[in-house]
Every structure is written in structure tokens, then in C-alpha cells.
Protein backbone atom coordinates (compact mmCIF):
# COMPACT_ATOMS: atom_id res chain seq x y z
CA UNK A 1 -27.92 -3.71 -2.44
CA UNK A 2 -25.01 -4.82 -4.61
CA UNK A 3 -21.74 -5.01 -2.74
CA UNK A 4 -18.65 -3.36 -4.30
CA UNK A 5 -15.86 -5.50 -5.71
CA UNK A 6 -12.24 -4.45 -5.19
CA UNK A 7 -9.09 -5.63 -6.96
CA UNK A 8 -5.89 -6.18 -4.98
CA UNK A 9 -2.47 -7.73 -5.57
CA UNK A 10 -1.85 -11.13 -4.04
CA UNK A 11 -3.74 -14.29 -3.19
CA UNK A 12 -6.84 -14.55 -1.03
CA UNK A 13 -5.93 -13.87 2.57
CA UNK A 14 -3.32 -11.23 1.71
CA UNK A 15 -2.92 -8.14 3.87
CA UNK A 16 -4.34 -6.16 0.94
CA UNK A 17 -7.59 -8.13 1.20
CA UNK A 18 -7.77 -7.26 4.89
CA UNK A 19 -7.28 -3.59 3.97
CA UNK A 20 -9.97 -3.86 1.27
CA UNK A 21 -12.52 -5.16 3.76
CA UNK A 22 -11.60 -2.45 6.24
CA UNK A 23 -12.13 0.21 3.57
CA UNK A 24 -15.23 -1.24 1.88
CA UNK A 25 -16.83 -3.46 4.50
CA UNK A 26 -16.68 -7.16 5.34
CA UNK A 27 -19.19 -8.09 2.64
CA UNK A 28 -17.23 -6.49 -0.20
CA UNK A 29 -16.22 -8.74 -3.06
CA UNK A 30 -12.58 -9.08 -4.06
CA UNK A 31 -10.59 -9.85 -7.20
CA UNK A 32 -7.05 -11.14 -6.49
CA UNK A 33 -4.47 -10.08 -9.10
CA UNK A 34 -0.96 -11.32 -9.75
CA UNK A 35 0.67 -7.94 -10.43
CA UNK A 36 0.05 -4.35 -9.33
CA UNK A 37 -0.41 -3.23 -12.92
CA UNK A 38 -3.22 -5.77 -13.28
CA UNK A 39 -4.96 -4.19 -10.27
CA UNK A 40 -4.96 -0.78 -11.95
CA UNK A 41 -6.11 -2.21 -15.29
CA UNK A 42 -8.97 -4.11 -13.66
CA UNK A 43 -10.22 -0.82 -12.22
CA UNK A 44 -9.81 1.28 -15.35
CA UNK A 45 -11.39 -1.44 -17.54
CA UNK A 46 -14.45 -1.49 -15.23
CA UNK A 47 -13.99 -5.10 -14.17
CA UNK A 48 -14.17 -3.98 -10.53
CA UNK A 49 -15.64 -1.04 -8.62
CA UNK A 50 -12.48 -0.17 -6.70
CA UNK A 51 -8.83 -1.05 -6.20
CA UNK A 52 -6.78 -1.30 -3.01
CA UNK A 53 -3.02 -0.83 -3.20
CA UNK A 54 -0.25 -0.57 -0.60
CA UNK A 55 1.72 2.66 -0.97
CA UNK A 56 4.20 2.60 1.91
CA UNK A 57 5.32 0.58 4.92
CA UNK A 58 6.76 2.06 8.11
CA UNK A 59 9.75 -0.30 7.95
CA UNK A 60 10.24 -1.09 4.27
CA UNK A 61 9.41 2.36 2.87
CA UNK A 62 7.48 3.30 -0.25
CA UNK A 63 6.16 0.91 -2.89
CA UNK A 64 7.67 2.83 -5.79
CA UNK A 65 5.94 0.87 -8.53
CA UNK A 66 2.54 2.03 -7.29
CA UNK A 67 3.59 5.68 -7.38
CA UNK A 68 4.41 5.17 -11.05
CA UNK A 69 1.04 3.51 -11.69
CA UNK A 70 -0.82 6.33 -9.94
CA UNK A 71 0.71 8.80 -12.38
CA UNK A 72 0.20 6.56 -15.40
CA UNK A 73 -3.45 5.59 -14.82
CA UNK A 74 -4.51 8.57 -12.65
CA UNK A 75 -7.35 6.91 -10.70
CA UNK A 76 -8.49 9.22 -7.88
CA UNK A 77 -7.51 8.30 -4.33
CA UNK A 78 -10.73 8.35 -2.27
CA UNK A 79 -9.62 6.87 1.08
CA UNK A 80 -6.67 5.50 3.01
CA UNK A 81 -6.12 3.15 5.91
CA UNK A 82 -3.12 2.15 8.03
CA UNK A 83 -3.01 -1.58 8.66
CA UNK A 84 -0.97 -3.14 11.45
CA UNK A 85 1.12 -5.92 9.89
CA UNK A 86 1.28 -9.03 12.08
CA UNK A 87 3.37 -11.90 10.73
CA UNK A 88 2.60 -15.45 11.83
CA UNK A 89 4.37 -18.75 11.28
CA UNK A 90 1.81 -20.98 9.57
CA UNK A 91 1.89 -24.63 8.52
CA UNK A 92 -0.49 -27.31 7.22
CA UNK A 93 -2.33 -29.30 9.90
CA UNK A 94 -0.14 -32.09 11.20
CA UNK A 95 3.10 -30.10 11.00
CA UNK A 96 4.52 -29.23 14.42
CA UNK A 97 6.91 -26.42 15.33
CA UNK A 98 9.70 -28.93 16.04
CA UNK A 99 9.42 -30.31 12.50
CA UNK A 100 9.80 -26.96 10.69
CA UNK A 101 13.01 -26.54 8.69
CA UNK A 102 12.01 -24.26 5.78
CA UNK A 103 9.93 -21.08 5.82
CA UNK A 104 8.33 -19.60 2.71
CA UNK A 105 7.16 -16.01 2.31
CA UNK A 106 7.54 -12.75 0.41
CA UNK A 107 11.08 -11.29 0.72
CA UNK A 108 9.77 -8.22 2.60
CA UNK A 109 8.01 -10.40 5.17
CA UNK A 110 11.11 -12.56 5.63
CA UNK A 111 13.22 -9.44 6.20
CA UNK A 112 10.76 -8.16 8.78
CA UNK A 113 11.26 -11.30 10.88
CA UNK A 114 15.06 -11.37 11.08
CA UNK A 115 15.19 -11.66 14.88
CA UNK A 116 12.99 -14.74 14.67
CA UNK A 117 15.38 -16.34 12.19
CA UNK A 118 18.42 -15.35 14.27
CA UNK A 119 16.85 -17.07 17.26
CA UNK A 120 16.11 -20.14 15.12
CA UNK A 121 19.18 -20.64 12.88
CA UNK A 122 17.98 -24.09 11.81
CA UNK A 123 15.32 -22.47 9.61
CA UNK A 124 15.96 -21.91 5.90
CA UNK A 125 14.34 -18.82 4.36
CA UNK A 126 12.67 -19.44 0.99
CA UNK A 127 11.43 -16.47 -1.03
CA UNK A 128 7.93 -16.62 -2.51
CA UNK A 129 5.94 -14.08 -4.54
CA UNK A 130 3.26 -13.50 -1.91
CA UNK A 131 2.67 -14.03 1.81
CA UNK A 132 -0.81 -15.55 1.51
CA UNK A 133 0.31 -17.32 -1.65
CA UNK A 134 2.98 -19.16 0.32
CA UNK A 135 0.29 -20.58 2.62
CA UNK A 136 -1.84 -21.57 -0.38
CA UNK A 137 1.19 -23.25 -1.97
CA UNK A 138 1.94 -25.36 1.10
CA UNK A 139 -1.68 -26.40 1.51
CA UNK A 140 -1.85 -27.50 -2.14
CA UNK A 141 1.69 -28.95 -2.21
CA UNK A 142 2.54 -30.21 1.29
CA UNK A 143 6.25 -30.44 2.06
CA UNK A 144 7.60 -32.16 5.16
CA UNK A 145 9.06 -29.55 7.51
CA UNK A 146 7.78 -26.54 5.52
CA UNK A 147 5.93 -23.53 6.91
CA UNK A 148 5.04 -20.01 5.76
CA UNK A 149 4.85 -16.47 7.10
CA UNK A 150 1.56 -14.68 6.50
CA UNK A 151 -1.51 -13.14 8.12
CA UNK A 152 -3.92 -14.96 10.42
CA UNK A 153 -6.58 -14.38 7.75
CA UNK A 154 -4.55 -16.48 5.30
CA UNK A 155 -4.35 -19.30 7.85
CA UNK A 156 -8.12 -19.21 8.34
CA UNK A 157 -8.89 -18.97 4.63
CA UNK A 158 -6.75 -21.96 3.61
CA UNK A 159 -7.40 -24.06 6.71
CA UNK A 160 -3.80 -23.92 7.94
CA UNK A 161 -2.52 -23.82 11.50
CA UNK A 162 -0.69 -20.95 13.23
CA UNK A 163 2.41 -22.28 14.99
CA UNK A 164 3.87 -18.95 16.18
CA UNK A 165 2.03 -15.63 16.38
CA UNK A 166 3.40 -12.12 15.89
CA UNK A 167 6.97 -13.03 14.95
CA UNK A 168 7.76 -9.69 13.29
CA UNK A 169 10.77 -7.73 14.60
CA UNK A 170 8.96 -4.45 15.16
CA UNK A 171 5.43 -4.11 16.52
CA UNK A 172 5.21 -0.64 14.96
CA UNK A 173 4.93 -2.25 11.54
CA UNK A 174 2.15 -0.60 9.54
CA UNK A 175 1.31 -0.46 5.85
CA UNK A 176 -0.61 2.43 4.36
CA UNK A 177 -3.17 1.48 1.73
CA UNK A 178 -5.06 3.60 -0.80
CA UNK A 179 -8.60 3.00 -1.98
CA UNK A 180 -8.89 3.95 -5.65
CA UNK A 181 -11.97 4.46 -7.81
CA UNK A 182 -12.60 5.63 -11.36
CA UNK A 183 -14.29 8.82 -10.20
CA UNK A 184 -13.76 10.95 -7.12
CA UNK A 185 -16.92 11.40 -5.04
CA UNK A 186 -18.20 14.89 -4.45
CA UNK A 187 -17.04 15.85 -0.96
CA UNK A 188 -17.57 18.82 1.29
CA UNK A 189 -14.47 19.97 3.16
CA UNK A 190 -16.33 20.06 6.48
CA UNK A 191 -17.72 16.50 6.21
CA UNK A 192 -14.59 14.89 7.71
CA UNK A 193 -12.58 16.00 10.76
CA UNK A 194 -9.22 15.91 8.97
CA UNK A 195 -8.32 15.71 5.30
CA UNK A 196 -5.27 14.75 3.31
CA UNK A 197 -4.45 15.61 -0.30
CA UNK A 198 -1.97 13.85 -2.58
CA UNK A 199 -0.48 15.65 -5.58
CA UNK A 200 2.25 15.08 -8.16
CA UNK A 201 4.27 17.60 -10.17
CA UNK A 202 7.60 18.04 -11.92
CA UNK A 203 10.14 20.87 -11.81
CA UNK A 204 12.75 22.29 -14.10
CA UNK A 205 16.28 21.38 -13.00
CA UNK A 206 17.26 24.86 -11.85
CA UNK A 207 18.68 26.13 -8.53
CA UNK A 208 16.05 26.62 -5.85
CA UNK A 209 13.20 24.94 -7.75
CA UNK A 210 12.29 22.48 -4.98
CA UNK A 211 12.65 25.19 -2.32
CA UNK A 212 10.16 27.37 -4.21
CA UNK A 213 7.77 24.44 -4.56
CA UNK A 214 7.81 23.72 -0.83
CA UNK A 215 7.48 27.39 0.04
CA UNK A 216 3.99 27.65 -1.51
CA UNK A 217 2.79 25.43 1.33
CA UNK A 218 5.00 26.85 4.08
CA UNK A 219 3.86 30.42 3.36
CA UNK A 220 0.25 29.32 3.98
CA UNK A 221 0.97 27.14 7.05
CA UNK A 222 -0.05 23.96 5.23
CA UNK A 223 1.49 20.89 6.85
CA UNK A 224 3.28 18.47 4.51
CA UNK A 225 3.18 14.83 5.68
CA UNK A 226 5.22 13.21 2.90
CA UNK A 227 7.36 13.97 -0.14
CA UNK A 228 8.59 11.31 -2.56
CA UNK A 229 10.60 11.69 -5.77
CA UNK A 230 10.49 9.29 -8.73
CA UNK A 231 12.61 9.39 -11.92
CA UNK A 232 10.91 10.66 -15.09
CA UNK A 233 11.03 8.19 -17.97
CA UNK A 234 13.02 9.49 -20.94
CA UNK A 235 14.38 12.48 -18.98
CA UNK A 236 17.53 11.41 -17.07
CA UNK A 237 18.10 13.11 -13.70
CA UNK A 238 14.68 14.76 -13.72
CA UNK A 239 11.97 13.74 -11.28
CA UNK A 240 8.29 13.70 -10.44
CA UNK A 241 7.56 14.84 -6.90
CA UNK A 242 4.70 13.27 -4.96
CA UNK A 243 3.53 15.35 -2.02
CA UNK A 244 0.89 14.74 0.67
CA UNK A 245 -0.42 17.72 2.62
CA UNK A 246 -2.90 17.83 5.50
CA UNK A 247 -5.75 19.86 4.10
CA UNK A 248 -8.64 19.50 1.68
CA UNK A 249 -7.70 20.51 -1.87
CA UNK A 250 -10.81 22.69 -2.01
CA UNK A 251 -9.86 24.82 1.00
CA UNK A 252 -9.01 28.42 0.19
CA UNK A 253 -5.36 28.25 1.19
CA UNK A 254 -4.92 24.94 -0.66
CA UNK A 255 -6.31 26.40 -3.87
CA UNK A 256 -3.98 29.38 -3.58
CA UNK A 257 -0.99 27.12 -2.91
CA UNK A 258 -1.76 24.92 -5.91
CA UNK A 259 -2.31 27.94 -8.16
CA UNK A 260 1.00 29.36 -6.98
CA UNK A 261 2.73 26.02 -7.58
CA UNK A 262 1.33 25.85 -11.12
CA UNK A 263 3.03 29.15 -11.98
CA UNK A 264 6.45 27.47 -12.13
CA UNK A 265 5.92 23.68 -11.71
CA UNK A 266 4.96 21.40 -14.55
CA UNK A 267 2.16 18.84 -14.77
CA UNK A 268 0.58 19.64 -11.41
CA UNK A 269 -2.06 16.98 -10.78
CA UNK A 270 -4.23 16.29 -7.72
CA UNK A 271 -4.24 12.52 -7.18
CA UNK A 272 -6.93 12.68 -4.54
CA UNK A 273 -8.40 14.37 -1.49
CA UNK A 274 -9.59 11.96 1.20
CA UNK A 275 -10.21 11.67 4.96
CA UNK A 276 -6.97 11.22 6.85
CA UNK A 277 -6.46 7.85 8.53
CA UNK A 278 -5.01 7.57 12.01
């Protein structure tokens, strides 16, 4: 049986690759991409079977660029997973902890390890485009006294050595990832214990518009788990609203809520209905 291939942003060993294997299985193939837009294009151009993107982090917040790409390309969301982010100090073999003076990593990862840097003021922080990419860079271009912050998978993949494990400030550091495909699978509402639905819509800039939009869910006791606003291109001070609610889009009350929303909201679109991840 042919294994699916998923695109993700970053180098091999990135947290997104770990999420891809969790969502598709350990034997799934992967296609690393430099930019998020490239991930979406690889999926829509049928170069891969699926795409895995991060959408929000419990500490850093939402990845706004990917909300914009979801609206632009409109691939259906078919699954989600919440990945615990563990940052490790990694160096090429032969480099000891006492020798480390510079640490490379993505700016977000560096900012999630501030207590580590406060406790070790001798260390210089060097921004890099990717966590796993920083490990790859040091393995291909060894620098005396240089290390990186990345996942343990990156250390294994590139043959590097973990000097310090779990150096992140907050252990409750999770990133939520979406699994995207070109077509949504047919699903029965009762086939999963809990469902989540993601939608996007826009509203006219009039008093009470957002209150009315939220009321279509409140009136039907539908639990909202997230709301995110993004600026609309070419329409200053107007916004798209991304909403997640905890119910299958095909459930009776969900259909009524979405029909009600469509009476006054614009461009109502269901981005996906998928089993909820814990």
C-alpha cells in the first residue's frame, strides 16, 4: 500500500514533521518546504497527498499567515493534533556544554527559552529561519562553540548530540497543527466521540454585527473554542473572522446556526469538520 506524502514548512526533523507522522503514521513520506505558501501550493498542485501546518501555539499565539493561506487556497481541514514542544540544546559531536558560546534557532524558540539564557548570560542568541535547520547548518558548517535549539528528532536525524534537554520556560508549551487535504473525506457525525468545526466569515461594519454573529451559536448552546480576526485585503478596518466550534458541521443545530449566520454575514465558508484533539 502506498504511503501518503505530506508537505510541511521547515527542514527534516522539524516539529511539523513530528506532527505529520503523528497524523499520518510513522511510515508517511514528507516534503520539506521553505515557506508556508509553498506547503499550500504543493498540496493544491498535487505534488503531495496532504499538508501539515501549525496554526497556533499556547505561548506564542496564532500563526496569522496560515489563517490567510487557509482562506486563499481553501483546502479542507481533516484532522488536528496538539504537539508538546520540547526544546533541547543540541551541538555537533565533540562540542561540550562548557564550550558553547552561541546558540542558533528560530526567534520563537529562542524567546521560549528566556530563563535558560538568563541563567547562562555568556550565551549569544543567533536567529535562524528554522529550528531543525539550525541543527543542519551546524552539522554542515561546524563552528567552535556553537549550538542550536531544536527537537530531539532533529538531533537524531542529523547525528548531533543533545547537551541540555527540555530547556523551554514553560512545560505547557503546545502547538496545534492542522492536517489538510484537497478533498474532505465523507464523515458520519457519530463516528468520532467529539468533533470540531472551523469556519470563516466577514461582517459589515455596523453596530452589533459581531454580537449577532456570536448569538447564532449561543442560542443553540454550541460551544465556541476560538475566535480570530484577520484584516481584509483592500478593505481597511474590515475583518475576516475565523471561528472554531465544538460540534460537527452536519449536526442539526450546527446547520441551523450556519444558515442563520449566512442571513447577515458575508462569505461564510466551512474550512473543515474534524475529530477534536485532546
